[in-house]
Amino acid sequence: LVRLWIASGRGPVLVCADSNVAVDNLLTGCSACGLNCVRVGRPEATRPDLEQYNLLERSKEQSSLATIAAAQLNGNNFWAQEKKALAAAEVICCTCSGADHPVLQD
């Protein structure tokens, strides 16, 4: 179903579940299908084998160390880096409560 939404140009698609384990299962399935996924949430709540999909890791991949250091001093810049990582994703995975994360708000 998620692949159909992506194929129809309706992305990024937000997929949510009640628990972190369930979100990790959704993330595993979506990434196995070759979809570009990002997981929003606390890094310690994610399985170690899925850390590469965490929003913080994806933000770091798209930024230099100098940019990250400057962004941490100014919270708004760091949100911009995270929003870039989300915009590049096809699928955004999070818990139902994580769907209210400030970075997902306009």
N, C-alpha and C. Protein backbone atom coordinates (compact mmCIF):
# COMPACT_ATOMS: atom_id res chain seq x y z
N LEU A 1 0.83 -1.19 0.00
CA LEU A 1 0.00 0.00 0.00
C LEU A 1 0.88 1.26 0.00
N VAL A 2 1.93 1.25 0.82
CA VAL A 2 2.83 2.40 0.87
C VAL A 2 3.51 2.61 -0.47
N ARG A 3 3.95 1.51 -1.09
CA ARG A 3 4.60 1.62 -2.40
C ARG A 3 3.66 2.22 -3.44
N LEU A 4 2.37 1.90 -3.37
CA LEU A 4 1.39 2.46 -4.31
C LEU A 4 1.24 3.97 -4.10
N TRP A 5 1.23 4.41 -2.86
CA TRP A 5 1.14 5.84 -2.58
C TRP A 5 2.36 6.55 -3.14
N ILE A 6 3.53 5.96 -2.94
CA ILE A 6 4.77 6.56 -3.46
C ILE A 6 4.74 6.59 -4.98
N ALA A 7 4.34 5.48 -5.58
CA ALA A 7 4.30 5.39 -7.05
C ALA A 7 3.33 6.40 -7.66
N SER A 8 2.27 6.74 -6.92
CA SER A 8 1.30 7.70 -7.44
C SER A 8 1.73 9.15 -7.20
N GLY A 9 2.93 9.33 -6.62
CA GLY A 9 3.45 10.68 -6.40
C GLY A 9 2.97 11.33 -5.12
N ARG A 10 2.40 10.55 -4.23
CA ARG A 10 1.90 11.10 -2.97
C ARG A 10 2.89 10.84 -1.85
N GLY A 11 3.94 11.60 -1.83
CA GLY A 11 4.94 11.37 -0.81
C GLY A 11 5.43 12.67 -0.24
N PRO A 12 6.10 12.66 0.83
CA PRO A 12 6.41 11.46 1.62
C PRO A 12 5.18 10.95 2.36
N VAL A 13 5.19 9.65 2.60
CA VAL A 13 4.09 8.98 3.29
C VAL A 13 4.47 8.80 4.75
N LEU A 14 3.58 9.19 5.65
CA LEU A 14 3.81 9.03 7.08
C LEU A 14 3.19 7.70 7.52
N VAL A 15 4.02 6.79 8.05
CA VAL A 15 3.51 5.53 8.58
C VAL A 15 3.74 5.52 10.08
N CYS A 16 2.68 5.21 10.83
CA CYS A 16 2.73 5.26 12.29
C CYS A 16 2.27 3.95 12.89
N ALA A 17 2.75 3.69 14.10
CA ALA A 17 2.31 2.54 14.88
C ALA A 17 2.34 2.93 16.35
N ASP A 18 1.68 2.14 17.18
CA ASP A 18 1.58 2.47 18.60
C ASP A 18 2.86 2.29 19.38
N SER A 19 3.71 1.36 18.98
CA SER A 19 4.92 1.07 19.76
C SER A 19 6.17 1.23 18.91
N ASN A 20 7.29 1.38 19.57
CA ASN A 20 8.57 1.49 18.87
C ASN A 20 8.91 0.20 18.14
N VAL A 21 8.57 -0.93 18.73
CA VAL A 21 8.82 -2.22 18.07
C VAL A 21 8.04 -2.31 16.77
N ALA A 22 6.79 -1.89 16.81
CA ALA A 22 5.96 -1.92 15.60
C ALA A 22 6.49 -0.96 14.54
N VAL A 23 6.96 0.21 14.96
CA VAL A 23 7.54 1.17 14.00
C VAL A 23 8.79 0.58 13.37
N ASP A 24 9.62 -0.08 14.19
CA ASP A 24 10.82 -0.72 13.65
C ASP A 24 10.45 -1.79 12.64
N ASN A 25 9.37 -2.52 12.89
CA ASN A 25 8.92 -3.55 11.93
C ASN A 25 8.45 -2.90 10.63
N LEU A 26 7.71 -1.80 10.73
CA LEU A 26 7.29 -1.08 9.52
C LEU A 26 8.51 -0.56 8.75
N LEU A 27 9.46 -0.01 9.47
CA LEU A 27 10.67 0.51 8.85
C LEU A 27 11.46 -0.59 8.15
N THR A 28 11.57 -1.74 8.79
CA THR A 28 12.27 -2.88 8.19
C THR A 28 11.60 -3.28 6.88
N GLY A 29 10.28 -3.37 6.88
CA GLY A 29 9.55 -3.76 5.67
C GLY A 29 9.67 -2.75 4.56
N CYS A 30 9.52 -1.48 4.89
CA CYS A 30 9.60 -0.43 3.87
C CYS A 30 11.01 -0.33 3.28
N SER A 31 12.02 -0.43 4.13
CA SER A 31 13.39 -0.33 3.62
C SER A 31 13.75 -1.57 2.80
N ALA A 32 13.20 -2.73 3.16
CA ALA A 32 13.44 -3.95 2.39
C ALA A 32 12.84 -3.85 0.98
N CYS A 33 11.82 -3.03 0.83
CA CYS A 33 11.20 -2.82 -0.49
C CYS A 33 11.95 -1.78 -1.31
N GLY A 34 13.03 -1.24 -0.75
CA GLY A 34 13.82 -0.27 -1.48
C GLY A 34 13.36 1.17 -1.34
N LEU A 35 12.46 1.42 -0.39
CA LEU A 35 11.98 2.79 -0.20
C LEU A 35 12.97 3.58 0.65
N ASN A 36 13.07 4.86 0.38
CA ASN A 36 13.93 5.76 1.13
C ASN A 36 13.18 6.16 2.40
N CYS A 37 13.61 5.65 3.55
CA CYS A 37 12.88 5.82 4.80
C CYS A 37 13.67 6.64 5.81
N VAL A 38 12.93 7.36 6.66
CA VAL A 38 13.49 8.08 7.80
C VAL A 38 12.63 7.76 9.01
N ARG A 39 13.30 7.51 10.15
CA ARG A 39 12.55 7.23 11.38
C ARG A 39 12.67 8.43 12.31
N VAL A 40 11.54 8.96 12.72
CA VAL A 40 11.49 10.07 13.66
C VAL A 40 11.30 9.49 15.05
N GLY A 41 12.12 9.92 15.98
CA GLY A 41 11.99 9.44 17.36
C GLY A 41 13.34 9.37 18.04
N ARG A 42 13.30 8.97 19.28
CA ARG A 42 14.52 8.88 20.07
C ARG A 42 15.41 7.77 19.53
N PRO A 43 16.69 8.06 19.30
CA PRO A 43 17.60 7.05 18.76
C PRO A 43 17.71 5.81 19.65
N GLU A 44 17.64 5.98 20.96
CA GLU A 44 17.77 4.83 21.86
C GLU A 44 16.54 3.92 21.83
N ALA A 45 15.43 4.39 21.24
CA ALA A 45 14.23 3.57 21.14
C ALA A 45 14.21 2.74 19.85
N THR A 46 15.22 2.92 19.02
CA THR A 46 15.30 2.23 17.73
C THR A 46 16.25 1.05 17.84
N ARG A 47 15.93 -0.03 17.14
CA ARG A 47 16.85 -1.17 17.11
C ARG A 47 18.19 -0.74 16.54
N PRO A 48 19.29 -1.26 17.08
CA PRO A 48 20.62 -0.86 16.61
C PRO A 48 20.84 -1.04 15.11
N ASP A 49 20.25 -2.07 14.53
CA ASP A 49 20.45 -2.31 13.10
C ASP A 49 19.69 -1.30 12.23
N LEU A 50 18.86 -0.46 12.84
CA LEU A 50 18.09 0.53 12.09
C LEU A 50 18.54 1.97 12.37
N GLU A 51 19.64 2.13 13.08
CA GLU A 51 20.12 3.47 13.44
C GLU A 51 20.36 4.35 12.22
N GLN A 52 20.76 3.75 11.12
CA GLN A 52 21.06 4.53 9.91
C GLN A 52 19.85 5.28 9.37
N TYR A 53 18.65 4.86 9.77
CA TYR A 53 17.43 5.49 9.29
C TYR A 53 16.94 6.61 10.21
N ASN A 54 17.55 6.74 11.39
CA ASN A 54 17.11 7.74 12.35
C ASN A 54 17.28 9.15 11.78
N LEU A 55 16.35 10.02 12.07
CA LEU A 55 16.36 11.38 11.53
C LEU A 55 17.65 12.12 11.87
N LEU A 56 18.14 11.95 13.07
CA LEU A 56 19.38 12.62 13.46
C LEU A 56 20.54 12.15 12.59
N GLU A 57 20.63 10.85 12.35
CA GLU A 57 21.70 10.31 11.49
C GLU A 57 21.56 10.82 10.07
N ARG A 58 20.35 10.84 9.55
CA ARG A 58 20.12 11.33 8.19
C ARG A 58 20.48 12.80 8.07
N SER A 59 20.19 13.58 9.11
CA SER A 59 20.53 15.01 9.10
C SER A 59 22.04 15.19 9.06
N LYS A 60 22.74 14.36 9.81
CA LYS A 60 24.20 14.43 9.84
C LYS A 60 24.79 14.07 8.48
N GLU A 61 24.20 13.09 7.80
CA GLU A 61 24.69 12.66 6.49
C GLU A 61 24.64 13.80 5.49
N GLN A 62 23.64 14.66 5.63
CA GLN A 62 23.45 15.73 4.65
C GLN A 62 24.17 17.01 5.04
N SER A 63 24.89 16.99 6.16
CA SER A 63 25.55 18.20 6.64
C SER A 63 27.01 17.93 6.93
N SER A 64 27.78 18.99 6.90
CA SER A 64 29.17 18.90 7.33
C SER A 64 29.21 19.02 8.84
N LEU A 65 30.32 18.64 9.45
CA LEU A 65 30.47 18.74 10.89
C LEU A 65 30.36 20.19 11.35
N ALA A 66 30.90 21.12 10.58
CA ALA A 66 30.83 22.54 10.93
C ALA A 66 29.39 23.02 10.93
N THR A 67 28.61 22.57 9.95
CA THR A 67 27.21 22.96 9.87
C THR A 67 26.44 22.42 11.06
N ILE A 68 26.73 21.19 11.45
CA ILE A 68 26.04 20.58 12.59
C ILE A 68 26.37 21.32 13.87
N ALA A 69 27.64 21.65 14.07
CA ALA A 69 28.05 22.37 15.28
C ALA A 69 27.35 23.73 15.35
N ALA A 70 27.30 24.43 14.23
CA ALA A 70 26.63 25.73 14.20
C ALA A 70 25.13 25.57 14.43
N ALA A 71 24.55 24.54 13.87
CA ALA A 71 23.12 24.31 14.01
C ALA A 71 22.74 23.98 15.45
N GLN A 72 23.62 23.28 16.15
CA GLN A 72 23.32 22.94 17.54
C GLN A 72 23.32 24.19 18.41
N LEU A 73 24.08 25.20 18.04
CA LEU A 73 24.05 26.46 18.77
C LEU A 73 22.78 27.23 18.49
N ASN A 74 22.24 27.06 17.30
CA ASN A 74 21.02 27.75 16.90
C ASN A 74 20.01 26.70 16.49
N GLY A 75 19.07 26.37 17.37
CA GLY A 75 18.12 25.29 17.15
C GLY A 75 17.37 25.36 15.83
N ASN A 76 17.07 26.56 15.33
CA ASN A 76 16.31 26.69 14.09
C ASN A 76 17.06 26.13 12.90
N ASN A 77 18.38 26.33 12.85
CA ASN A 77 19.17 25.79 11.74
C ASN A 77 19.14 24.28 11.73
N PHE A 78 19.19 23.69 12.94
CA PHE A 78 19.18 22.24 13.00
C PHE A 78 17.83 21.69 12.55
N TRP A 79 16.74 22.37 12.90
CA TRP A 79 15.43 21.94 12.41
C TRP A 79 15.42 21.97 10.88
N ALA A 80 16.06 22.97 10.31
CA ALA A 80 16.11 23.06 8.85
C ALA A 80 16.83 21.86 8.25
N GLN A 81 17.92 21.42 8.89
CA GLN A 81 18.64 20.24 8.41
C GLN A 81 17.75 19.00 8.51
N GLU A 82 17.02 18.88 9.60
CA GLU A 82 16.12 17.72 9.76
C GLU A 82 14.99 17.78 8.74
N LYS A 83 14.46 18.97 8.49
CA LYS A 83 13.39 19.09 7.49
C LYS A 83 13.89 18.72 6.09
N LYS A 84 15.15 19.04 5.78
CA LYS A 84 15.72 18.63 4.49
C LYS A 84 15.77 17.11 4.39
N ALA A 85 16.18 16.46 5.48
CA ALA A 85 16.24 15.00 5.48
C ALA A 85 14.84 14.40 5.31
N LEU A 86 13.84 15.01 5.93
CA LEU A 86 12.46 14.53 5.78
C LEU A 86 11.94 14.75 4.37
N ALA A 87 12.28 15.88 3.78
CA ALA A 87 11.82 16.19 2.43
C ALA A 87 12.40 15.22 1.40
N ALA A 88 13.59 14.71 1.68
CA ALA A 88 14.23 13.78 0.75
C ALA A 88 13.69 12.35 0.90
N ALA A 89 12.97 12.09 1.97
CA ALA A 89 12.47 10.73 2.24
C ALA A 89 11.19 10.44 1.47
N GLU A 90 11.01 9.16 1.17
CA GLU A 90 9.73 8.72 0.59
C GLU A 90 8.77 8.30 1.70
N VAL A 91 9.33 7.74 2.78
CA VAL A 91 8.52 7.24 3.90
C VAL A 91 9.08 7.79 5.20
N ILE A 92 8.20 8.31 6.04
CA ILE A 92 8.57 8.78 7.37
C ILE A 92 7.88 7.85 8.37
N CYS A 93 8.68 7.22 9.22
CA CYS A 93 8.17 6.26 10.20
C CYS A 93 8.27 6.85 11.60
N CYS A 94 7.21 6.70 12.39
CA CYS A 94 7.23 7.17 13.77
C CYS A 94 6.10 6.52 14.55
N THR A 95 6.15 6.67 15.88
CA THR A 95 5.05 6.21 16.70
C THR A 95 3.90 7.21 16.56
N CYS A 96 2.73 6.83 17.02
CA CYS A 96 1.58 7.74 16.94
C CYS A 96 1.86 9.02 17.73
N SER A 97 2.47 8.89 18.90
CA SER A 97 2.78 10.10 19.67
C SER A 97 3.91 10.87 19.00
N GLY A 98 4.82 10.20 18.31
CA GLY A 98 5.91 10.86 17.60
C GLY A 98 5.44 11.66 16.40
N ALA A 99 4.23 11.37 15.93
CA ALA A 99 3.69 12.10 14.78
C ALA A 99 3.43 13.56 15.13
N ASP A 100 3.48 13.88 16.43
CA ASP A 100 3.30 15.26 16.87
C ASP A 100 4.64 15.96 17.08
N HIS A 101 5.72 15.35 16.62
CA HIS A 101 7.07 15.93 16.77
C HIS A 101 7.10 17.28 16.06
N PRO A 102 7.71 18.28 16.67
CA PRO A 102 7.75 19.63 16.06
C PRO A 102 8.33 19.67 14.65
N VAL A 103 9.27 18.81 14.34
CA VAL A 103 9.88 18.83 13.01
C VAL A 103 8.88 18.42 11.92
N LEU A 104 7.82 17.74 12.30
CA LEU A 104 6.80 17.34 11.32
C LEU A 104 5.72 18.40 11.13
N GLN A 105 5.79 19.45 11.92
CA GLN A 105 4.81 20.53 11.81
C GLN A 105 5.27 21.54 10.76
N ASP A 106 4.36 22.24 10.15
CA ASP A 106 4.72 23.27 9.16
C ASP A 106 5.27 24.49 9.82
